[in-house]
Protein backbone atom coordinates (compact mmCIF):
# COMPACT_ATOMS: atom_id res chain seq x y z
CA MET A 1 -24.45 22.10 -15.63
CA TYR A 2 -20.69 21.77 -15.09
CA ARG A 3 -19.78 18.59 -13.20
CA VAL A 4 -17.52 19.09 -10.16
CA VAL A 5 -15.38 16.56 -8.27
CA LEU A 6 -13.94 17.25 -4.81
CA ILE A 7 -10.85 15.35 -3.58
CA ASP A 8 -9.48 15.74 -0.05
CA ASP A 9 -8.42 13.33 2.69
CA GLU A 10 -10.26 15.49 5.24
CA PRO A 11 -14.00 14.59 5.03
CA LEU A 12 -15.00 17.79 6.85
CA ILE A 13 -13.46 19.90 4.09
CA VAL A 14 -15.20 17.92 1.36
CA GLU A 15 -18.54 18.10 3.11
CA GLY A 16 -18.06 21.77 3.91
CA LEU A 17 -17.40 22.63 0.28
CA ARG A 18 -20.31 20.53 -0.88
CA ARG A 19 -22.77 22.20 1.50
CA VAL A 20 -21.58 25.79 1.80
CA VAL A 21 -20.81 26.71 -1.81
CA ARG A 22 -23.87 27.67 -3.86
CA TRP A 23 -22.81 25.59 -6.83
CA GLU A 24 -25.94 26.28 -8.82
CA ASP A 25 -25.06 30.00 -8.90
CA PHE A 26 -22.09 29.06 -11.10
CA GLY A 27 -23.95 26.54 -13.23
CA CYS A 28 -22.25 23.68 -11.37
CA GLU A 29 -23.16 20.56 -9.45
CA VAL A 30 -20.99 18.29 -7.27
CA ALA A 31 -21.01 14.99 -9.14
CA ALA A 32 -18.68 13.01 -6.84
CA THR A 33 -16.08 13.15 -4.07
CA ALA A 34 -13.00 11.11 -3.13
CA GLU A 35 -10.59 10.88 -0.20
CA ASP A 36 -7.27 10.09 -1.91
CA ALA A 37 -5.50 10.42 -5.24
CA VAL A 38 -6.05 6.83 -6.42
CA ARG A 39 -9.81 6.90 -5.82
CA GLY A 40 -9.86 10.44 -7.12
CA ALA A 41 -8.33 9.42 -10.44
CA GLU A 42 -10.80 6.53 -10.74
CA THR A 43 -13.68 8.88 -9.95
CA ILE A 44 -12.54 11.41 -12.52
CA ARG A 45 -12.38 8.76 -15.25
CA ALA A 46 -15.90 7.65 -14.34
CA VAL A 47 -17.46 11.11 -13.98
CA ARG A 48 -15.31 13.13 -16.41
CA PRO A 49 -15.83 16.40 -14.52
CA HIS A 50 -15.40 19.88 -15.91
CA ILE A 51 -14.03 21.21 -12.61
CA LEU A 52 -11.84 19.71 -9.89
CA PHE A 53 -11.09 20.99 -6.40
CA THR A 54 -8.30 18.91 -4.87
CA ASP A 55 -5.63 18.77 -2.21
CA ILE A 56 -2.28 17.57 -3.57
CA ARG A 57 -0.60 16.73 -0.26
CA MET A 58 -2.44 13.62 0.88
CA PRO A 59 -0.78 10.76 2.82
CA GLY A 60 0.92 8.25 0.56
CA ASP A 61 0.23 10.19 -2.61
CA ASP A 62 2.50 12.11 -4.97
CA GLY A 63 0.44 15.22 -5.50
CA LEU A 64 2.33 16.76 -8.40
CA THR A 65 2.38 13.49 -10.33
CA MET A 66 -1.35 13.07 -9.71
CA LEU A 67 -1.91 16.61 -10.92
CA ALA A 68 0.22 16.15 -14.04
CA GLY A 69 -1.59 12.92 -14.82
CA LEU A 70 -5.02 14.48 -14.51
CA ARG A 71 -4.08 17.56 -16.51
CA SER A 72 -2.55 15.44 -19.25
CA GLU A 73 -5.37 12.91 -19.47
CA PHE A 74 -8.15 15.49 -19.10
CA PRO A 75 -6.74 18.67 -20.66
CA ASP A 76 -10.00 20.62 -20.62
CA MET A 77 -10.69 19.99 -16.92
CA GLN A 78 -10.18 23.08 -14.77
CA VAL A 79 -8.34 22.53 -11.48
CA THR A 80 -8.14 24.49 -8.23
CA VAL A 81 -5.78 23.24 -5.55
CA LEU A 82 -6.73 23.63 -1.89
CA THR A 83 -3.81 22.81 0.37
CA GLY A 84 -2.17 23.58 3.66
CA TYR A 85 1.27 23.04 2.12
CA ARG A 86 3.00 26.44 1.99
CA ASP A 87 5.98 25.71 -0.22
CA PHE A 88 6.36 28.36 -2.92
CA SER A 89 8.31 26.18 -5.36
CA TYR A 90 5.64 23.48 -5.05
CA ALA A 91 2.96 26.04 -5.85
CA GLN A 92 4.98 27.28 -8.83
CA GLU A 93 5.26 23.76 -10.27
CA ALA A 94 1.54 23.17 -9.77
CA ILE A 95 0.74 26.38 -11.65
CA ARG A 96 3.16 25.44 -14.45
CA LEU A 97 1.25 22.17 -14.81
CA GLY A 98 -1.97 24.06 -15.47
CA VAL A 99 -3.71 24.74 -12.16
CA THR A 100 -6.19 27.61 -12.46
CA ARG A 101 -5.91 28.62 -8.79
CA PHE A 102 -3.65 27.53 -5.89
CA LEU A 103 -5.40 28.32 -2.61
CA LEU A 104 -4.04 27.83 0.89
CA LYS A 105 -6.23 26.33 3.60
CA PRO A 106 -8.27 27.64 5.24
CA SER A 107 -9.55 29.33 2.09
CA LYS A 108 -11.97 32.22 2.28
CA MET A 109 -15.33 31.93 0.56
CA ASP A 110 -14.45 34.90 -1.66
CA GLU A 111 -11.40 32.95 -2.91
CA ILE A 112 -13.52 29.88 -3.68
CA ARG A 113 -16.05 32.00 -5.59
CA GLU A 114 -13.31 33.77 -7.54
CA ALA A 115 -11.75 30.41 -8.45
CA LEU A 116 -15.11 29.08 -9.62
CA THR A 117 -15.69 32.20 -11.69
CA ALA A 118 -12.26 31.86 -13.31
CA MET A 119 -12.74 28.16 -14.07
CA THR A 120 -16.23 28.51 -15.54
CA GLU A 121 -15.06 31.44 -17.68
CA ARG A 122 -12.19 29.36 -19.03
CA LEU A 123 -14.59 26.51 -19.77
CA GLY A 124 -16.82 28.94 -21.64
CA ARG A 125 -14.18 30.05 -24.13
CA GLU A 126 -11.98 28.26 -26.63
CA GLN A 127 -8.69 26.74 -25.48
CA THR A 128 -5.80 29.19 -25.86
CA GLU A 129 -2.22 28.52 -26.90
CA GLY A 130 -1.12 29.12 -23.31
CA GLU A 131 -3.42 26.40 -22.05
CA LYS A 132 -2.07 24.02 -24.71
CA SER A 133 1.47 24.62 -23.51
CA GLU A 134 0.36 23.78 -19.96
CA HIS A 135 -0.90 20.42 -21.23
CA GLU A 136 2.44 19.84 -22.96
CA ARG A 137 4.30 20.52 -19.70
CA ALA A 138 1.99 18.16 -17.82
CA GLY A 139 2.62 15.38 -20.33
CA SER A 140 6.38 15.89 -20.29
CA PHE A 141 6.43 15.97 -16.47
CA LEU A 142 4.42 12.76 -16.32
CA VAL A 143 6.74 10.92 -18.70
CA ARG A 144 9.74 11.89 -16.56
CA GLN A 145 7.96 10.53 -13.48
CA ALA A 146 7.00 7.32 -15.28
CA MET A 147 10.54 6.70 -16.50
CA ALA A 148 11.97 7.38 -13.04
CA TYR A 149 9.53 4.80 -11.60
CA MET A 150 10.49 2.30 -14.31
CA GLU A 151 14.19 2.79 -13.59
CA GLU A 152 13.65 2.26 -9.87
CA HIS A 153 11.62 -0.94 -10.42
CA ARG A 154 13.23 -2.25 -13.62
CA ALA A 155 14.50 -5.45 -12.00
CA GLU A 156 10.97 -6.38 -10.92
CA LYS A 157 8.13 -7.95 -12.88
CA LEU A 158 6.85 -4.62 -14.13
CA THR A 159 3.73 -3.91 -16.19
CA LEU A 160 2.44 -0.86 -18.00
CA GLN A 161 -0.60 -0.92 -15.72
CA GLU A 162 1.56 -0.72 -12.59
CA VAL A 163 3.46 2.29 -13.91
CA ALA A 164 0.22 3.95 -15.02
CA ASP A 165 -1.26 3.42 -11.55
CA ALA A 166 1.82 5.04 -10.01
CA CYS A 167 1.25 8.04 -12.29
CA TYR A 168 -2.53 8.22 -11.71
CA VAL A 169 -3.41 7.77 -15.39
CA SER A 170 -4.87 5.04 -17.56
CA GLN A 171 -2.41 2.67 -19.21
CA TRP A 172 -3.75 3.73 -22.62
CA HIS A 173 -2.93 7.37 -21.89
CA LEU A 174 0.51 6.59 -20.49
CA SER A 175 1.32 4.48 -23.54
CA LYS A 176 0.37 7.40 -25.78
CA LEU A 177 2.55 9.82 -23.76
CA LEU A 178 5.58 7.51 -23.81
CA ASN A 179 5.36 7.18 -27.57
CA ARG A 180 4.96 10.92 -27.97
CA TYR A 181 7.64 12.23 -25.61
CA ALA A 182 10.11 9.33 -25.34
CA GLU A 183 9.48 8.10 -28.91
CA LYS A 184 9.52 4.51 -27.62
CA ASN A 185 6.90 2.14 -26.31
CA PHE A 186 6.80 0.85 -22.75
CA TYR A 187 8.64 -2.42 -23.40
CA ASP A 188 11.37 -0.78 -25.45
CA ILE A 189 12.04 1.66 -22.62
CA LEU A 190 11.97 -1.09 -19.99
CA ASN A 191 14.31 -3.33 -22.00
CA THR A 192 16.75 -0.45 -22.48
CA LEU A 193 16.79 0.26 -18.73
CA ARG A 194 17.29 -3.42 -17.91
CA ILE A 195 20.09 -3.92 -20.43
CA GLU A 196 21.92 -0.83 -19.15
CA MET A 197 21.76 -2.38 -15.68
CA ALA A 198 22.99 -5.70 -17.06
CA LYS A 199 25.96 -4.04 -18.78
CA ASP A 200 27.01 -2.62 -15.44
CA LEU A 201 26.64 -5.99 -13.69
CA LEU A 202 28.71 -7.72 -16.39
CA LYS A 203 31.74 -5.84 -15.09
CA ASP A 204 31.71 -8.24 -12.13
CA PRO A 205 33.29 -11.51 -13.36
CA SER A 206 31.98 -13.43 -10.36
CA LEU A 207 28.39 -13.10 -11.64
CA ARG A 208 27.09 -15.66 -14.13
CA ILE A 209 25.36 -14.27 -17.21
CA GLY A 210 22.19 -16.27 -16.53
CA ASP A 211 22.04 -14.89 -13.00
CA ILE A 212 22.50 -11.37 -14.31
CA GLY A 213 19.51 -11.86 -16.59
CA GLU A 214 17.36 -12.77 -13.62
CA MET A 215 18.76 -9.89 -11.56
CA VAL A 216 17.62 -7.35 -14.16
CA GLY A 217 14.13 -8.78 -14.55
CA TYR A 218 14.34 -11.59 -17.16
CA ALA A 219 13.08 -14.96 -15.92
CA ASP A 220 13.96 -16.54 -19.29
CA THR A 221 17.71 -16.58 -19.99
CA ALA A 222 17.15 -17.06 -23.73
CA HIS A 223 14.93 -13.99 -23.83
CA PHE A 224 17.56 -11.98 -21.99
CA ALA A 225 20.19 -13.13 -24.49
CA ARG A 226 18.03 -12.11 -27.47
CA VAL A 227 17.21 -8.68 -26.06
CA PHE A 228 20.83 -8.02 -25.08
CA LYS A 229 22.17 -8.84 -28.52
CA LYS A 230 19.46 -6.81 -30.23
CA LEU A 231 20.18 -3.67 -28.18
CA VAL A 232 23.95 -3.94 -27.78
CA GLY A 233 24.89 -5.57 -31.08
CA MET A 234 26.79 -8.44 -29.44
CA SER A 235 26.11 -11.19 -26.95
CA ALA A 236 26.43 -10.64 -23.22
CA ASN A 237 29.52 -12.86 -23.17
CA GLU A 238 31.12 -10.93 -26.05
CA TYR A 239 30.34 -7.69 -24.26
CA ARG A 240 31.97 -8.97 -21.06
CA ASN A 241 35.08 -10.04 -22.96
CA SER A 242 35.32 -6.61 -24.56
CA LEU A 243 35.54 -4.82 -21.20
């Protein structure tokens, strides 16, 4: 039996799908449900479903990032999106990331059945080159989202786990993606972002170098000094004097 997970912030939709669809006719069973992207990602890691029906416009969640994370971490999982969001470009991006079907609410039962048929057929055959390219796009999209989050929060006490949570993936998977697509590990990327910010702040002579280190996320001034010299090739003071 194919395991199915349903994610939607509207309980009536989840319960309706669970009860109305004759899952057994498609060799499926509903293994779990969730009401938001964070719990949904946790549920998927626990259940490891073959099929996912999900909304990607839930309050407080970044649907496309969630989708990219799930498609990247679980490349064989088939996904159908059920949403009331009628933006064509959004739908296009979702499909590029590997969604099997993009259905607008309220979806007709014939559309649900057709989506299930398509997903079970894809599960029943070997992965194609086209599907592999979808997984590549999902991974690349996710890395861009992760790096944008890191840039926005670089001055904070930032961990790999926090960035992974923001991208709806495990920290192990995010670490693998960063090494693959950015060719750097998490801390190398974070240090680079912080030092670029420090170089900009060093243009202001009224700021002390120790204070700048703290402003870009280094509580230890000596650590900031070591990282700066390693990445720039000169000390922060030498860099300031060269401006």
